[in-house]
PDB file of N, CA and C in Angstrom:
ATOM      1  N   MET A   1    -114.396 -51.022 -86.810  1.00  0.00           N
ATOM      2  CA  MET A   1    -113.606 -50.332 -87.733  1.00  0.00           C
ATOM      3  C   MET A   1    -114.414 -49.137 -88.164  1.00  0.00           C
ATOM      4  N   GLY A   2    -115.581 -48.811 -88.313  1.00  0.00           N
ATOM      5  CA  GLY A   2    -116.321 -47.434 -88.552  1.00  0.00           C
ATOM      6  C   GLY A   2    -115.716 -46.491 -87.468  1.00  0.00           C
ATOM      7  N   GLU A   3    -115.871 -46.618 -86.555  1.00  0.00           N
ATOM      8  CA  GLU A   3    -115.807 -46.144 -85.197  1.00  0.00           C
ATOM      9  C   GLU A   3    -114.295 -45.492 -85.522  1.00  0.00           C
ATOM     10  N   ALA A   4    -113.076 -46.043 -85.730  1.00  0.00           N
ATOM     11  CA  ALA A   4    -112.009 -45.480 -85.967  1.00  0.00           C
ATOM     12  C   ALA A   4    -111.780 -44.795 -86.999  1.00  0.00           C
ATOM     13  N   PHE A   5    -112.405 -44.958 -88.068  1.00  0.00           N
ATOM     14  CA  PHE A   5    -112.609 -44.338 -89.381  1.00  0.00           C
ATOM     15  C   PHE A   5    -113.269 -42.887 -89.239  1.00  0.00           C
ATOM     16  N   GLY A   6    -114.106 -42.711 -88.244  1.00  0.00           N
ATOM     17  CA  GLY A   6    -114.727 -41.709 -87.898  1.00  0.00           C
ATOM     18  C   GLY A   6    -114.129 -40.765 -87.455  1.00  0.00           C
ATOM     19  N   GLU A   7    -113.258 -40.788 -86.664  1.00  0.00           N
ATOM     20  CA  GLU A   7    -112.074 -40.256 -85.675  1.00  0.00           C
ATOM     21  C   GLU A   7    -111.107 -40.031 -86.307  1.00  0.00           C
ATOM     22  N   ARG A   8    -110.743 -40.203 -87.512  1.00  0.00           N
ATOM     23  CA  ARG A   8    -109.370 -39.746 -88.538  1.00  0.00           C
ATOM     24  C   ARG A   8    -109.330 -38.293 -88.754  1.00  0.00           C
ATOM     25  N   PRO A   9    -108.525 -37.371 -88.308  1.00  0.00           N
ATOM     26  CA  PRO A   9    -108.327 -36.153 -88.369  1.00  0.00           C
ATOM     27  C   PRO A   9    -108.692 -35.431 -89.745  1.00  0.00           C
ATOM     28  N   GLY A  10    -108.538 -36.192 -90.777  1.00  0.00           N
ATOM     29  CA  GLY A  10    -109.095 -35.908 -92.261  1.00  0.00           C
ATOM     30  C   GLY A  10    -110.202 -35.638 -92.421  1.00  0.00           C
ATOM     31  N   HIS A  11    -111.290 -36.126 -91.731  1.00  0.00           N
ATOM     32  CA  HIS A  11    -112.726 -36.384 -92.043  1.00  0.00           C
ATOM     33  C   HIS A  11    -113.415 -35.498 -91.187  1.00  0.00           C
ATOM     34  N   ALA A  12    -112.887 -34.017 -91.630  1.00  0.00           N
ATOM     35  CA  ALA A  12    -113.786 -32.830 -90.885  1.00  0.00           C
ATOM     36  C   ALA A  12    -115.150 -32.729 -90.954  1.00  0.00           C
ATOM     37  N   TRP A  13    -115.832 -33.367 -91.685  1.00  0.00           N
ATOM     38  CA  TRP A  13    -117.249 -33.328 -91.837  1.00  0.00           C
ATOM     39  C   TRP A  13    -117.851 -34.345 -90.799  1.00  0.00           C
ATOM     40  N   LEU A  14    -117.309 -35.005 -90.265  1.00  0.00           N
ATOM     41  CA  LEU A  14    -117.631 -36.098 -89.376  1.00  0.00           C
ATOM     42  C   LEU A  14    -116.794 -35.674 -87.710  1.00  0.00           C
ATOM     43  N   ASN A  15    -115.957 -35.175 -87.658  1.00  0.00           N
ATOM     44  CA  ASN A  15    -115.228 -34.428 -86.582  1.00  0.00           C
ATOM     45  C   ASN A  15    -115.838 -33.309 -86.146  1.00  0.00           C
ATOM     46  N   GLY A  16    -116.780 -32.230 -86.958  1.00  0.00           N
ATOM     47  CA  GLY A  16    -117.269 -30.909 -86.603  1.00  0.00           C
ATOM     48  C   GLY A  16    -116.612 -29.816 -86.486  1.00  0.00           C
ATOM     49  N   THR A  17    -115.538 -29.667 -87.412  1.00  0.00           N
ATOM     50  CA  THR A  17    -114.958 -28.420 -87.869  1.00  0.00           C
ATOM     51  C   THR A  17    -115.810 -27.309 -87.589  1.00  0.00           C
ATOM     52  N   GLY A  18    -115.513 -26.371 -86.721  1.00  0.00           N
ATOM     53  CA  GLY A  18    -116.109 -25.464 -86.298  1.00  0.00           C
ATOM     54  C   GLY A  18    -117.353 -25.189 -85.135  1.00  0.00           C
ATOM     55  N   ASP A  19    -117.292 -26.731 -84.761  1.00  0.00           N
ATOM     56  CA  ASP A  19    -118.018 -26.807 -83.537  1.00  0.00           C
ATOM     57  C   ASP A  19    -117.230 -27.552 -82.475  1.00  0.00           C
ATOM     58  N   ALA A  20    -116.329 -27.003 -82.065  1.00  0.00           N
ATOM     59  CA  ALA A  20    -115.415 -27.155 -81.067  1.00  0.00           C
ATOM     60  C   ALA A  20    -116.125 -27.987 -79.839  1.00  0.00           C
ATOM     61  N   GLY A  21    -115.568 -29.056 -79.610  1.00  0.00           N
ATOM     62  CA  GLY A  21    -116.450 -29.662 -78.245  1.00  0.00           C
ATOM     63  C   GLY A  21    -117.569 -30.203 -78.419  1.00  0.00           C
ATOM     64  N   TYR A  22    -118.284 -29.938 -79.823  1.00  0.00           N
ATOM     65  CA  TYR A  22    -119.362 -30.566 -79.863  1.00  0.00           C
ATOM     66  C   TYR A  22    -119.508 -32.008 -80.275  1.00  0.00           C
ATOM     67  N   HIS A  23    -118.705 -32.393 -81.316  1.00  0.00           N
ATOM     68  CA  HIS A  23    -118.883 -33.581 -81.773  1.00  0.00           C
ATOM     69  C   HIS A  23    -117.268 -34.516 -81.239  1.00  0.00           C
ATOM     70  N   THR A  24    -117.675 -34.916 -80.123  1.00  0.00           N
ATOM     71  CA  THR A  24    -116.601 -35.874 -79.115  1.00  0.00           C
ATOM     72  C   THR A  24    -116.803 -37.084 -79.969  1.00  0.00           C
ATOM     73  N   SER A  25    -115.907 -38.365 -79.572  1.00  0.00           N
ATOM     74  CA  SER A  25    -115.803 -39.457 -79.836  1.00  0.00           C
ATOM     75  C   SER A  25    -116.935 -39.973 -79.416  1.00  0.00           C
ATOM     76  N   GLU A  26    -117.506 -39.628 -78.151  1.00  0.00           N
ATOM     77  CA  GLU A  26    -118.868 -40.424 -77.869  1.00  0.00           C
ATOM     78  C   GLU A  26    -120.133 -40.006 -78.691  1.00  0.00           C
ATOM     79  N   ARG A  27    -119.903 -39.044 -79.071  1.00  0.00           N
ATOM     80  CA  ARG A  27    -121.136 -38.385 -80.123  1.00  0.00           C
ATOM     81  C   ARG A  27    -120.944 -39.236 -81.684  1.00  0.00           C
ATOM     82  N   ILE A  28    -119.608 -39.448 -81.856  1.00  0.00           N
ATOM     83  CA  ILE A  28    -119.418 -39.986 -83.026  1.00  0.00           C
ATOM     84  C   ILE A  28    -120.193 -41.518 -82.891  1.00  0.00           C
ATOM     85  N   ASP A  29    -119.680 -42.308 -81.709  1.00  0.00           N
ATOM     86  CA  ASP A  29    -120.116 -43.584 -81.618  1.00  0.00           C
ATOM     87  C   ASP A  29    -121.610 -43.874 -81.454  1.00  0.00           C
ATOM     88  N   GLN A  30    -122.188 -42.530 -80.933  1.00  0.00           N
ATOM     89  CA  GLN A  30    -123.790 -42.841 -80.690  1.00  0.00           C
ATOM     90  C   GLN A  30    -124.212 -42.693 -82.312  1.00  0.00           C
ATOM     91  N   LEU A  31    -123.783 -41.553 -82.837  1.00  0.00           N
ATOM     92  CA  LEU A  31    -124.121 -41.751 -84.567  1.00  0.00           C
ATOM     93  C   LEU A  31    -124.011 -43.178 -85.351  1.00  0.00           C
ATOM     94  N   LEU A  32    -122.820 -43.720 -85.180  1.00  0.00           N
ATOM     95  CA  LEU A  32    -122.439 -44.897 -85.801  1.00  0.00           C
ATOM     96  C   LEU A  32    -123.259 -45.940 -85.209  1.00  0.00           C
ATOM     97  N   ALA A  33    -123.655 -45.987 -84.247  1.00  0.00           N
ATOM     98  CA  ALA A  33    -124.767 -47.050 -83.721  1.00  0.00           C
ATOM     99  C   ALA A  33    -126.142 -47.135 -84.360  1.00  0.00           C
ATOM    100  N   ILE A  34    -126.534 -46.155 -85.223  1.00  0.00           N
ATOM    101  CA  ILE A  34    -127.512 -45.950 -85.989  1.00  0.00           C
ATOM    102  C   ILE A  34    -127.302 -46.700 -87.234  1.00  0.00           C
ATOM    103  N   TRP A  35    -127.754 -47.577 -87.372  1.00  0.00           N
ATOM    104  CA  TRP A  35    -127.402 -48.939 -88.374  1.00  0.00           C
ATOM    105  C   TRP A  35    -127.511 -48.086 -89.681  1.00  0.00           C
ATOM    106  N   PRO A  36    -128.324 -47.498 -90.363  1.00  0.00           N
ATOM    107  CA  PRO A  36    -128.399 -46.867 -91.462  1.00  0.00           C
ATOM    108  C   PRO A  36    -127.185 -45.973 -91.756  1.00  0.00           C
ATOM    109  N   ILE A  37    -127.079 -45.384 -90.709  1.00  0.00           N
ATOM    110  CA  ILE A  37    -125.605 -44.386 -90.759  1.00  0.00           C
ATOM    111  C   ILE A  37    -124.570 -45.115 -90.763  1.00  0.00           C
ATOM    112  N   TYR A  38    -124.053 -45.918 -89.962  1.00  0.00           N
ATOM    113  CA  TYR A  38    -123.064 -46.936 -90.234  1.00  0.00           C
ATOM    114  C   TYR A  38    -123.084 -47.692 -91.434  1.00  0.00           C
ATOM    115  N   SER A  39    -124.070 -48.192 -91.928  1.00  0.00           N
ATOM    116  CA  SER A  39    -123.936 -48.735 -93.554  1.00  0.00           C
ATOM    117  C   SER A  39    -123.679 -48.008 -94.375  1.00  0.00           C
ATOM    118  N   GLU A  40    -123.844 -46.930 -94.243  1.00  0.00           N
ATOM    119  CA  GLU A  40    -123.959 -45.846 -95.327  1.00  0.00           C
ATOM    120  C   GLU A  40    -122.242 -45.343 -95.245  1.00  0.00           C
ATOM    121  N   ILE A  41    -121.647 -44.944 -94.095  1.00  0.00           N
ATOM    122  CA  ILE A  41    -120.564 -44.613 -94.120  1.00  0.00           C
ATOM    123  C   ILE A  41    -119.483 -45.805 -94.428  1.00  0.00           C
ATOM    124  N   ASP A  42    -119.966 -46.951 -93.817  1.00  0.00           N
ATOM    125  CA  ASP A  42    -119.025 -48.292 -94.212  1.00  0.00           C
ATOM    126  C   ASP A  42    -119.073 -48.620 -95.632  1.00  0.00           C
ATOM    127  N   GLU A  43    -120.216 -48.219 -96.438  1.00  0.00           N
ATOM    128  CA  GLU A  43    -120.416 -48.607 -97.625  1.00  0.00           C
ATOM    129  C   GLU A  43    -119.565 -47.649 -98.800  1.00  0.00           C
ATOM    130  N   ARG A  44    -119.579 -46.229 -98.266  1.00  0.00           N
ATOM    131  CA  ARG A  44    -118.916 -45.237 -99.097  1.00  0.00           C
ATOM    132  C   ARG A  44    -117.556 -44.945 -98.837  1.00  0.00           C
ATOM    133  N   TYR A  45    -117.185 -45.308 -97.490  1.00  0.00           N
ATOM    134  CA  TYR A  45    -115.743 -44.917 -97.295  1.00  0.00           C
ATOM    135  C   TYR A  45    -114.921 -46.215 -96.409  1.00  0.00           C
ATOM    136  N   VAL A  46    -115.444 -46.562 -95.698  1.00  0.00           N
ATOM    137  CA  VAL A  46    -114.834 -47.804 -95.099  1.00  0.00           C
ATOM    138  C   VAL A  46    -114.338 -48.902 -96.275  1.00  0.00           C
ATOM    139  N   THR A  47    -115.265 -49.375 -96.907  1.00  0.00           N
ATOM    140  CA  THR A  47    -115.012 -50.788 -97.658  1.00  0.00           C
ATOM    141  C   THR A  47    -114.224 -50.414 -99.059  1.00  0.00           C
ATOM    142  N   PRO A  48    -114.233 -49.108 -99.501  1.00  0.00           N
ATOM    143  CA  PRO A  48    -113.404 -48.723-100.397  1.00  0.00           C
ATOM    144  C   PRO A  48    -111.879 -48.666-100.264  1.00  0.00           C
ATOM    145  N   ALA A  49    -111.913 -47.845 -99.018  1.00  0.00           N
ATOM    146  CA  ALA A  49    -110.608 -47.786 -98.538  1.00  0.00           C
ATOM    147  C   ALA A  49    -109.728 -49.200 -97.988  1.00  0.00           C
ATOM    148  N   LEU A  50    -110.672 -50.027 -97.637  1.00  0.00           N
ATOM    149  CA  LEU A  50    -109.881 -51.259 -97.520  1.00  0.00           C
ATOM    150  C   LEU A  50    -109.624 -51.886 -98.587  1.00  0.00           C
ATOM    151  N   VAL A  51    -110.386 -51.887 -99.647  1.00  0.00           N
ATOM    152  CA  VAL A  51    -109.846 -52.358-101.148  1.00  0.00           C
ATOM    153  C   VAL A  51    -109.045 -51.966-101.371  1.00  0.00           C
ATOM    154  N   VAL A  52    -108.622 -50.636-101.592  1.00  0.00           N
ATOM    155  CA  VAL A  52    -107.679 -49.891-101.870  1.00  0.00           C
ATOM    156  C   VAL A  52    -106.528 -50.653-100.877  1.00  0.00           C
ATOM    157  N   SER A  53    -106.433 -50.532 -99.665  1.00  0.00           N
ATOM    158  CA  SER A  53    -105.329 -51.285 -98.968  1.00  0.00           C
ATOM    159  C   SER A  53    -105.041 -52.532 -99.584  1.00  0.00           C
ATOM    160  N   ALA A  54    -106.221 -53.481 -99.563  1.00  0.00           N
ATOM    161  CA  ALA A  54    -105.563 -54.662 -99.771  1.00  0.00           C
ATOM    162  C   ALA A  54    -105.047 -54.931-101.262  1.00  0.00           C
ATOM    163  N   GLU A  55    -105.607 -54.006-102.368  1.00  0.00           N
ATOM    164  CA  GLU A  55    -104.789 -54.096-103.382  1.00  0.00           C
ATOM    165  C   GLU A  55    -103.414 -53.695-103.517  1.00  0.00           C
ATOM    166  N   LYS A  56    -103.193 -52.893-102.596  1.00  0.00           N
ATOM    167  CA  LYS A  56    -101.393 -52.618-102.372  1.00  0.00           C
ATOM    168  C   LYS A  56    -100.778 -53.574-101.552  1.00  0.00           C
ATOM    169  N   ASN A  57    -101.572 -54.152-100.877  1.00  0.00           N
ATOM    170  CA  ASN A  57    -100.770 -55.352-100.009  1.00  0.00           C
ATOM    171  C   ASN A  57     -99.462 -56.297-100.642  1.00  0.00           C
ATOM    172  N   GLY A  58    -100.122 -56.702-101.698  1.00  0.00           N
ATOM    173  CA  GLY A  58     -99.475 -57.686-102.395  1.00  0.00           C
ATOM    174  C   GLY A  58     -98.306 -56.961-103.298  1.00  0.00           C
ATOM    175  N   LEU A  59     -98.410 -55.803-103.343  1.00  0.00           N
ATOM    176  CA  LEU A  59     -96.940 -54.927-104.082  1.00  0.00           C
ATOM    177  C   LEU A  59     -96.014 -54.246-103.368  1.00  0.00           C
ATOM    178  N   SER A  60     -94.873 -54.550-104.073  1.00  0.00           N
ATOM    179  CA  SER A  60     -93.743 -53.832-103.378  1.00  0.00           C
ATOM    180  C   SER A  60     -92.961 -53.302-104.309  1.00  0.00           C
ATOM    181  N   ASN A  61     -91.824 -52.852-104.047  1.00  0.00           N
ATOM    182  CA  ASN A  61     -90.943 -51.970-104.867  1.00  0.00           C
ATOM    183  C   ASN A  61     -90.180 -52.874-105.871  1.00  0.00           C
ATOM    184  N   GLY A  62     -90.684 -52.810-107.273  1.00  0.00           N
ATOM    185  CA  GLY A  62     -90.211 -53.711-107.978  1.00  0.00           C
ATOM    186  C   GLY A  62     -88.564 -53.714-108.467  1.00  0.00           C
ATOM    187  N   PRO A  63     -88.106 -54.727-108.672  1.00  0.00           N
ATOM    188  CA  PRO A  63     -86.629 -54.682-108.783  1.00  0.00           C
ATOM    189  C   PRO A  63     -86.305 -53.874-110.381  1.00  0.00           C
ATOM    190  N   ASN A  64     -87.443 -53.863-111.282  1.00  0.00           N
ATOM    191  CA  ASN A  64     -86.978 -53.367-112.391  1.00  0.00           C
ATOM    192  C   ASN A  64     -87.256 -52.000-112.490  1.00  0.00           C
ATOM    193  N   GLY A  65     -87.134 -51.152-111.385  1.00  0.00           N
ATOM    194  CA  GLY A  65     -87.277 -49.782-111.456  1.00  0.00           C
ATOM    195  C   GLY A  65     -88.364 -49.139-111.664  1.00  0.00           C
ATOM    196  N   THR A  66     -89.617 -49.688-111.525  1.00  0.00           N
ATOM    197  CA  THR A  66     -90.832 -48.835-111.883  1.00  0.00           C
ATOM    198  C   THR A  66     -91.091 -48.333-110.344  1.00  0.00           C
ATOM    199  N   SER A  67     -90.293 -48.283-109.319  1.00  0.00           N
ATOM    200  CA  SER A  67     -90.935 -48.029-108.299  1.00  0.00           C
ATOM    201  C   SER A  67     -89.530 -46.770-107.579  1.00  0.00           C
ATOM    202  N   GLU A  68     -89.752 -46.094-107.038  1.00  0.00           N
ATOM    203  CA  GLU A  68     -88.899 -45.037-106.683  1.00  0.00           C
ATOM    204  C   GLU A  68     -87.972 -45.891-105.563  1.00  0.00           C
ATOM    205  N   GLY A  69     -88.607 -46.604-104.732  1.00  0.00           N
ATOM    206  CA  GLY A  69     -87.818 -47.069-103.792  1.00  0.00           C
ATOM    207  C   GLY A  69     -87.022 -48.384-104.112  1.00  0.00           C
ATOM    208  N   ALA A  70     -87.049 -49.097-105.278  1.00  0.00           N
ATOM    209  CA  ALA A  70     -86.706 -50.026-105.677  1.00  0.00           C
ATOM    210  C   ALA A  70     -85.104 -49.801-106.127  1.00  0.00           C
ATOM    211  N   PRO A  71     -84.321 -50.716-105.820  1.00  0.00           N
ATOM    212  CA  PRO A  71     -82.831 -50.330-106.237  1.00  0.00           C
ATOM    213  C   PRO A  71     -82.705 -50.241-107.771  1.00  0.00           C
ATOM    214  N   ASN A  72     -81.514 -49.373-108.230  1.00  0.00           N
ATOM    215  CA  ASN A  72     -81.217 -49.072-109.526  1.00  0.00           C
ATOM    216  C   ASN A  72     -80.840 -50.379-110.303  1.00  0.00           C
ATOM    217  N   THR A  73     -81.453 -50.896-111.415  1.00  0.00           N
ATOM    218  CA  THR A  73     -80.799 -51.560-112.198  1.00  0.00           C
ATOM    219  C   THR A  73     -80.222 -51.354-113.259  1.00  0.00           C
ATOM    220  N   ALA A  74     -80.125 -49.871-113.733  1.00  0.00           N
ATOM    221  CA  ALA A  74     -79.761 -49.642-115.119  1.00  0.00           C
ATOM    222  C   ALA A  74     -78.261 -48.844-115.043  1.00  0.00           C
ATOM    223  N   GLU A  75     -77.408 -49.127-115.964  1.00  0.00           N
ATOM    224  CA  GLU A  75     -76.091 -48.181-115.503  1.00  0.00           C
ATOM    225  C   GLU A  75     -76.345 -47.031-115.889  1.00  0.00           C
ATOM    226  N   ASP A  76     -75.332 -45.952-115.234  1.00  0.00           N
ATOM    227  CA  ASP A  76     -75.450 -44.633-115.793  1.00  0.00           C
ATOM    228  C   ASP A  76     -75.536 -44.255-117.175  1.00  0.00           C
ATOM    229  N   ALA A  77     -75.994 -43.390-117.812  1.00  0.00           N
ATOM    230  CA  ALA A  77     -75.683 -43.096-119.054  1.00  0.00           C
ATOM    231  C   ALA A  77     -74.410 -42.240-119.271  1.00  0.00           C
ATOM    232  N   PRO A  78     -73.754 -42.438-120.472  1.00  0.00           N
ATOM    233  CA  PRO A  78     -72.483 -41.623-120.560  1.00  0.00           C
ATOM    234  C   PRO A  78     -72.774 -40.393-120.702  1.00  0.00           C
ATOM    235  N   SER A  79     -71.818 -39.423-120.437  1.00  0.00           N
ATOM    236  CA  SER A  79     -71.975 -38.200-120.537  1.00  0.00           C
ATOM    237  C   SER A  79     -71.616 -37.602-121.656  1.00  0.00           C
TER     238      SER A  79
END
């Protein structure tokens, strides 16, 4: 999981913005093979992302109109 997270384009600090060609997938894998580094990345980024994802897992568009994607349940207001 950490390896896939490290290759996400939104994480320029790990992908090496400005160092074109230097920070490759292989180098990221080598970096994450070092347990203390992997553990820190997992603890600071991967685990919190999974917790947020799990919290959203049971939520869906509510029929009471609290979500933009839910069907409208209220009648239109008179003009």
